[in-house]
């Protein structure tokens, strides 16, 4: 009985690691955007997220260092753009990041709302 439980645990470990794997894509911001209260200057970034659906933690990295992170929702499905982002006007002329769009998925950030502006690569 104990042997069977150990074998089952060993066989399930790769599945758990696969489910916990990170996904990532690149994005270029043409303007400063705000992510979860953090200003992210224009430039090239790597966006990583862990999980699927509505409970994703997204992290924005530059040169391997975390710049900002926020809860988000990953939505799979074809889009007409790749590397475009959507931001809305916030306080003090800030632009709050709402979403990043790639050809087969979009990442929607869970932040408070106001009016909308867009930026594309």
N, C-alpha and C. Protein backbone atom coordinates (compact mmCIF):
# COMPACT_ATOMS: atom_id res chain seq x y z
N UNK A 1 0.82 -1.19 0.00
CA UNK A 1 0.00 0.00 0.00
C UNK A 1 0.87 1.26 0.00
N UNK A 2 1.87 1.29 0.87
CA UNK A 2 2.76 2.44 0.96
C UNK A 2 3.54 2.62 -0.34
N UNK A 3 3.97 1.50 -0.92
CA UNK A 3 4.71 1.52 -2.18
C UNK A 3 3.85 2.13 -3.29
N UNK A 4 2.57 1.78 -3.36
CA UNK A 4 1.66 2.29 -4.38
C UNK A 4 1.49 3.80 -4.24
N UNK A 5 1.38 4.29 -3.03
CA UNK A 5 1.23 5.73 -2.80
C UNK A 5 2.47 6.48 -3.25
N UNK A 6 3.65 5.94 -2.99
CA UNK A 6 4.90 6.60 -3.41
C UNK A 6 5.01 6.62 -4.92
N UNK A 7 4.68 5.50 -5.57
CA UNK A 7 4.73 5.44 -7.04
C UNK A 7 3.73 6.43 -7.64
N UNK A 8 2.53 6.52 -7.09
CA UNK A 8 1.53 7.47 -7.58
C UNK A 8 2.03 8.90 -7.44
N UNK A 9 2.65 9.22 -6.33
CA UNK A 9 3.18 10.56 -6.11
C UNK A 9 4.28 10.88 -7.12
N UNK A 10 5.15 9.94 -7.38
CA UNK A 10 6.23 10.15 -8.35
C UNK A 10 5.65 10.36 -9.75
N UNK A 11 4.64 9.62 -10.11
CA UNK A 11 4.04 9.76 -11.44
C UNK A 11 3.27 11.06 -11.59
N UNK A 12 2.72 11.59 -10.52
CA UNK A 12 1.94 12.83 -10.58
C UNK A 12 2.82 14.07 -10.54
N UNK A 13 4.04 13.99 -10.08
CA UNK A 13 4.92 15.15 -9.97
C UNK A 13 5.12 15.87 -11.30
N UNK A 14 5.42 15.18 -12.40
CA UNK A 14 5.57 15.91 -13.68
C UNK A 14 4.31 16.65 -14.09
N UNK A 15 3.13 16.08 -13.80
CA UNK A 15 1.88 16.77 -14.13
C UNK A 15 1.73 18.05 -13.32
N UNK A 16 2.09 18.01 -12.06
CA UNK A 16 2.01 19.21 -11.22
C UNK A 16 2.98 20.27 -11.72
N UNK A 17 4.17 19.86 -12.11
CA UNK A 17 5.15 20.82 -12.63
C UNK A 17 4.67 21.43 -13.94
N UNK A 18 4.06 20.64 -14.79
CA UNK A 18 3.53 21.14 -16.05
C UNK A 18 2.40 22.15 -15.80
N UNK A 19 1.52 21.86 -14.87
CA UNK A 19 0.41 22.76 -14.56
C UNK A 19 0.91 24.08 -13.97
N UNK A 20 2.03 24.05 -13.28
CA UNK A 20 2.57 25.25 -12.65
C UNK A 20 3.52 26.01 -13.56
N UNK A 21 3.70 25.55 -14.80
CA UNK A 21 4.67 26.19 -15.68
C UNK A 21 4.25 27.61 -16.04
N UNK A 22 5.25 28.42 -16.33
CA UNK A 22 5.02 29.82 -16.68
C UNK A 22 4.90 29.96 -18.19
N UNK A 23 4.12 30.93 -18.59
CA UNK A 23 4.04 31.32 -19.99
C UNK A 23 4.59 32.73 -20.08
N UNK A 24 5.13 33.09 -21.24
CA UNK A 24 5.67 34.43 -21.39
C UNK A 24 5.61 34.89 -22.83
N UNK A 25 5.59 36.19 -22.99
CA UNK A 25 5.60 36.84 -24.30
C UNK A 25 6.32 38.18 -24.15
N UNK A 26 6.63 38.79 -25.27
CA UNK A 26 7.28 40.10 -25.29
C UNK A 26 6.28 41.20 -25.63
N UNK A 27 6.56 42.41 -25.15
CA UNK A 27 5.74 43.56 -25.48
C UNK A 27 6.64 44.80 -25.47
N UNK A 28 6.31 45.77 -26.30
CA UNK A 28 6.99 47.06 -26.30
C UNK A 28 5.97 48.13 -25.96
N UNK A 29 6.22 48.86 -24.87
CA UNK A 29 5.34 49.97 -24.50
C UNK A 29 5.88 51.23 -25.14
N UNK A 30 5.02 51.95 -25.87
CA UNK A 30 5.41 53.19 -26.53
C UNK A 30 5.21 54.40 -25.63
N UNK A 31 4.62 54.19 -24.47
CA UNK A 31 4.38 55.26 -23.51
C UNK A 31 4.48 54.66 -22.11
N UNK A 32 4.61 55.51 -21.12
CA UNK A 32 4.63 55.03 -19.73
C UNK A 32 3.24 54.53 -19.36
N UNK A 33 3.18 53.32 -18.81
CA UNK A 33 1.91 52.76 -18.35
C UNK A 33 2.02 52.46 -16.86
N UNK A 34 0.88 52.44 -16.20
CA UNK A 34 0.83 52.12 -14.78
C UNK A 34 0.27 50.72 -14.60
N UNK A 35 1.02 49.89 -13.87
CA UNK A 35 0.59 48.54 -13.57
C UNK A 35 0.56 48.37 -12.06
N UNK A 36 -0.64 48.21 -11.52
CA UNK A 36 -0.81 48.00 -10.09
C UNK A 36 -0.11 49.07 -9.26
N UNK A 37 -0.20 50.33 -9.72
CA UNK A 37 0.39 51.46 -9.00
C UNK A 37 1.84 51.75 -9.34
N UNK A 38 2.47 50.92 -10.18
CA UNK A 38 3.87 51.11 -10.55
C UNK A 38 3.99 51.67 -11.95
N UNK A 39 4.78 52.74 -12.11
CA UNK A 39 5.01 53.33 -13.43
C UNK A 39 6.01 52.46 -14.21
N UNK A 40 5.64 52.07 -15.42
CA UNK A 40 6.49 51.27 -16.29
C UNK A 40 6.83 52.14 -17.49
N UNK A 41 8.11 52.58 -17.61
CA UNK A 41 8.49 53.48 -18.71
C UNK A 41 8.44 52.80 -20.08
N UNK A 42 8.41 53.58 -21.16
CA UNK A 42 8.43 53.00 -22.50
C UNK A 42 9.65 52.10 -22.68
N UNK A 43 9.48 51.06 -23.48
CA UNK A 43 10.60 50.16 -23.76
C UNK A 43 10.13 48.73 -24.00
N UNK A 44 11.11 47.84 -24.15
CA UNK A 44 10.85 46.43 -24.42
C UNK A 44 10.82 45.65 -23.11
N UNK A 45 9.82 44.78 -22.97
CA UNK A 45 9.64 44.02 -21.74
C UNK A 45 9.26 42.58 -22.06
N UNK A 46 9.48 41.72 -21.09
CA UNK A 46 9.02 40.33 -21.12
C UNK A 46 7.88 40.25 -20.10
N UNK A 47 6.77 39.66 -20.50
CA UNK A 47 5.63 39.50 -19.61
C UNK A 47 5.49 38.00 -19.33
N UNK A 48 5.49 37.65 -18.05
CA UNK A 48 5.31 36.25 -17.66
C UNK A 48 4.04 36.13 -16.84
N UNK A 49 3.39 34.98 -16.95
CA UNK A 49 2.24 34.71 -16.09
C UNK A 49 2.23 33.23 -15.75
N UNK A 50 1.65 32.97 -14.62
CA UNK A 50 1.56 31.61 -14.12
C UNK A 50 0.09 31.29 -13.90
N UNK A 51 -0.36 30.21 -14.48
CA UNK A 51 -1.75 29.81 -14.33
C UNK A 51 -2.54 30.02 -15.61
N UNK A 52 -3.84 29.79 -15.52
CA UNK A 52 -4.72 29.95 -16.67
C UNK A 52 -6.01 30.62 -16.22
N UNK A 53 -6.74 31.15 -17.16
CA UNK A 53 -8.04 31.73 -16.87
C UNK A 53 -7.98 33.01 -16.07
N UNK A 54 -8.89 33.13 -15.09
CA UNK A 54 -9.07 34.38 -14.36
C UNK A 54 -8.14 34.55 -13.17
N UNK A 55 -7.39 33.54 -12.81
CA UNK A 55 -6.53 33.66 -11.62
C UNK A 55 -5.05 33.56 -12.00
N UNK A 56 -4.58 34.57 -12.71
CA UNK A 56 -3.20 34.61 -13.19
C UNK A 56 -2.46 35.74 -12.47
N UNK A 57 -1.21 35.50 -12.14
CA UNK A 57 -0.36 36.57 -11.61
C UNK A 57 0.61 36.93 -12.74
N UNK A 58 0.49 38.13 -13.26
CA UNK A 58 1.33 38.59 -14.37
C UNK A 58 2.50 39.40 -13.82
N UNK A 59 3.67 39.18 -14.39
CA UNK A 59 4.88 39.89 -13.98
C UNK A 59 5.51 40.51 -15.22
N UNK A 60 5.87 41.78 -15.13
CA UNK A 60 6.54 42.48 -16.23
C UNK A 60 8.00 42.61 -15.85
N UNK A 61 8.88 42.13 -16.75
CA UNK A 61 10.31 42.12 -16.49
C UNK A 61 11.07 42.90 -17.55
N UNK A 62 12.16 43.51 -17.13
CA UNK A 62 13.08 44.18 -18.06
C UNK A 62 14.48 43.76 -17.66
N UNK A 63 15.21 43.21 -18.61
CA UNK A 63 16.57 42.71 -18.37
C UNK A 63 16.59 41.71 -17.21
N UNK A 64 15.55 40.88 -17.13
CA UNK A 64 15.48 39.85 -16.11
C UNK A 64 15.04 40.30 -14.73
N UNK A 65 14.79 41.59 -14.55
CA UNK A 65 14.38 42.12 -13.25
C UNK A 65 12.89 42.47 -13.27
N UNK A 66 12.20 42.15 -12.17
CA UNK A 66 10.78 42.44 -12.06
C UNK A 66 10.57 43.94 -11.96
N UNK A 67 9.73 44.47 -12.84
CA UNK A 67 9.39 45.89 -12.85
C UNK A 67 8.05 46.11 -12.16
N UNK A 68 7.07 45.22 -12.45
CA UNK A 68 5.74 45.34 -11.86
C UNK A 68 5.04 43.99 -11.95
N UNK A 69 4.04 43.81 -11.10
CA UNK A 69 3.22 42.61 -11.17
C UNK A 69 1.79 42.96 -10.79
N UNK A 70 0.86 42.13 -11.26
CA UNK A 70 -0.55 42.41 -11.02
C UNK A 70 -1.37 41.15 -11.27
N UNK A 71 -2.50 41.02 -10.58
CA UNK A 71 -3.44 39.96 -10.94
C UNK A 71 -3.97 40.24 -12.35
N UNK A 72 -4.24 39.18 -13.08
CA UNK A 72 -4.70 39.34 -14.46
C UNK A 72 -5.53 38.13 -14.87
N UNK A 73 -6.09 38.23 -16.06
CA UNK A 73 -6.85 37.13 -16.67
C UNK A 73 -6.25 36.87 -18.03
N UNK A 74 -5.94 35.60 -18.32
CA UNK A 74 -5.45 35.25 -19.66
C UNK A 74 -6.64 34.74 -20.47
N UNK A 75 -6.79 35.27 -21.66
CA UNK A 75 -7.88 34.87 -22.54
C UNK A 75 -7.25 34.34 -23.82
N UNK A 76 -7.46 33.05 -24.10
CA UNK A 76 -6.90 32.48 -25.32
C UNK A 76 -7.88 32.68 -26.47
N UNK A 77 -7.34 32.81 -27.65
CA UNK A 77 -8.15 33.03 -28.84
C UNK A 77 -7.44 33.99 -29.77
N UNK A 78 -7.71 33.87 -31.02
CA UNK A 78 -7.04 34.65 -32.05
C UNK A 78 -7.40 36.13 -31.94
N UNK A 79 -6.37 36.99 -32.10
CA UNK A 79 -6.58 38.43 -32.17
C UNK A 79 -6.00 38.93 -33.49
N UNK A 80 -6.33 40.16 -33.86
CA UNK A 80 -5.84 40.74 -35.11
C UNK A 80 -4.52 41.47 -34.95
N UNK A 81 -3.98 41.50 -33.75
CA UNK A 81 -2.74 42.23 -33.48
C UNK A 81 -1.77 41.36 -32.71
N UNK A 82 -0.51 41.76 -32.70
CA UNK A 82 0.49 41.04 -31.94
C UNK A 82 1.39 42.05 -31.24
N UNK A 83 1.36 42.07 -29.92
CA UNK A 83 2.19 42.99 -29.16
C UNK A 83 1.56 44.35 -28.94
N UNK A 84 0.27 44.47 -29.18
CA UNK A 84 -0.43 45.74 -28.92
C UNK A 84 -0.88 45.77 -27.47
N UNK A 85 -1.08 46.98 -26.96
CA UNK A 85 -1.58 47.09 -25.60
C UNK A 85 -2.70 48.12 -25.55
N UNK A 86 -3.51 48.02 -24.50
CA UNK A 86 -4.62 48.95 -24.29
C UNK A 86 -4.44 49.56 -22.90
N UNK A 87 -4.53 50.87 -22.84
CA UNK A 87 -4.41 51.59 -21.57
C UNK A 87 -5.52 52.64 -21.51
N UNK A 88 -5.88 53.01 -20.29
CA UNK A 88 -6.89 54.06 -20.11
C UNK A 88 -6.32 55.18 -19.28
N UNK A 89 -6.89 56.35 -19.46
CA UNK A 89 -6.42 57.52 -18.72
C UNK A 89 -6.72 57.37 -17.25
N UNK A 90 -5.72 57.67 -16.43
CA UNK A 90 -5.86 57.65 -14.98
C UNK A 90 -5.59 59.03 -14.43
N UNK A 91 -5.35 59.11 -13.14
CA UNK A 91 -5.07 60.39 -12.49
C UNK A 91 -3.70 60.93 -12.90
N UNK A 92 -3.55 62.25 -12.86
CA UNK A 92 -2.28 62.93 -13.15
C UNK A 92 -1.67 62.53 -14.49
N UNK A 93 -2.50 62.44 -15.53
CA UNK A 93 -2.06 62.10 -16.88
C UNK A 93 -1.41 60.73 -16.99
N UNK A 94 -1.71 59.81 -16.09
CA UNK A 94 -1.16 58.45 -16.17
C UNK A 94 -2.00 57.61 -17.13
N UNK A 95 -1.44 56.50 -17.57
CA UNK A 95 -2.12 55.56 -18.45
C UNK A 95 -2.09 54.20 -17.78
N UNK A 96 -3.25 53.73 -17.35
CA UNK A 96 -3.36 52.47 -16.62
C UNK A 96 -3.48 51.33 -17.63
N UNK A 97 -2.58 50.36 -17.52
CA UNK A 97 -2.56 49.24 -18.46
C UNK A 97 -3.78 48.34 -18.23
N UNK A 98 -4.57 48.15 -19.28
CA UNK A 98 -5.75 47.29 -19.22
C UNK A 98 -5.48 45.92 -19.82
N UNK A 99 -4.79 45.88 -20.96
CA UNK A 99 -4.61 44.60 -21.64
C UNK A 99 -3.41 44.64 -22.58
N UNK A 100 -2.87 43.47 -22.82
CA UNK A 100 -1.85 43.28 -23.85
C UNK A 100 -2.38 42.19 -24.77
N UNK A 101 -2.26 42.42 -26.08
CA UNK A 101 -2.80 41.49 -27.07
C UNK A 101 -1.67 40.87 -27.89
N UNK A 102 -1.71 39.55 -28.01
CA UNK A 102 -0.82 38.82 -28.91
C UNK A 102 -1.69 38.03 -29.88
N UNK A 103 -1.11 37.41 -30.89
CA UNK A 103 -1.91 36.75 -31.92
C UNK A 103 -2.83 35.65 -31.40
N UNK A 104 -2.44 34.92 -30.36
CA UNK A 104 -3.27 33.81 -29.88
C UNK A 104 -3.77 33.96 -28.45
N UNK A 105 -3.55 35.12 -27.85
CA UNK A 105 -3.99 35.31 -26.46
C UNK A 105 -3.98 36.79 -26.11
N UNK A 106 -4.71 37.12 -25.05
CA UNK A 106 -4.63 38.47 -24.50
C UNK A 106 -4.56 38.34 -22.98
N UNK A 107 -3.85 39.28 -22.38
CA UNK A 107 -3.69 39.32 -20.93
C UNK A 107 -4.41 40.56 -20.45
N UNK A 108 -5.44 40.40 -19.64
CA UNK A 108 -6.25 41.52 -19.16
C UNK A 108 -5.96 41.74 -17.68
N UNK A 109 -5.52 42.95 -17.38
CA UNK A 109 -5.11 43.28 -16.02
C UNK A 109 -6.32 43.66 -15.18
N UNK A 110 -6.36 43.18 -13.94
CA UNK A 110 -7.48 43.43 -13.04
C UNK A 110 -7.16 44.65 -12.18
N UNK A 111 -7.46 45.84 -12.73
CA UNK A 111 -7.20 47.11 -12.05
C UNK A 111 -8.46 47.97 -12.09
N UNK A 112 -8.54 49.00 -11.26
CA UNK A 112 -9.70 49.89 -11.23
C UNK A 112 -9.87 50.61 -12.57
N UNK A 113 -11.08 51.12 -12.86
CA UNK A 113 -11.32 51.67 -14.21
C UNK A 113 -11.69 53.14 -14.26
N UNK A 114 -11.38 53.76 -15.43
CA UNK A 114 -11.82 55.10 -15.85
C UNK A 114 -11.92 55.09 -17.37
N UNK A 115 -11.51 56.14 -18.08
CA UNK A 115 -11.65 56.20 -19.54
C UNK A 115 -10.53 55.45 -20.27
N UNK A 116 -10.67 55.27 -21.61
CA UNK A 116 -9.77 54.40 -22.35
C UNK A 116 -8.94 55.13 -23.40
N UNK A 117 -7.68 54.68 -23.55
CA UNK A 117 -6.76 55.09 -24.62
C UNK A 117 -6.06 53.83 -25.09
N UNK A 118 -5.53 53.80 -26.33
CA UNK A 118 -4.85 52.60 -26.80
C UNK A 118 -3.49 52.94 -27.35
N UNK A 119 -2.64 51.93 -27.37
CA UNK A 119 -1.31 52.05 -27.96
C UNK A 119 -0.99 50.77 -28.67
N UNK A 120 -0.32 50.85 -29.79
CA UNK A 120 0.04 49.65 -30.53
C UNK A 120 1.47 49.77 -31.01
N UNK A 121 2.03 48.63 -31.26
CA UNK A 121 3.39 48.54 -31.73
C UNK A 121 3.44 48.77 -33.21
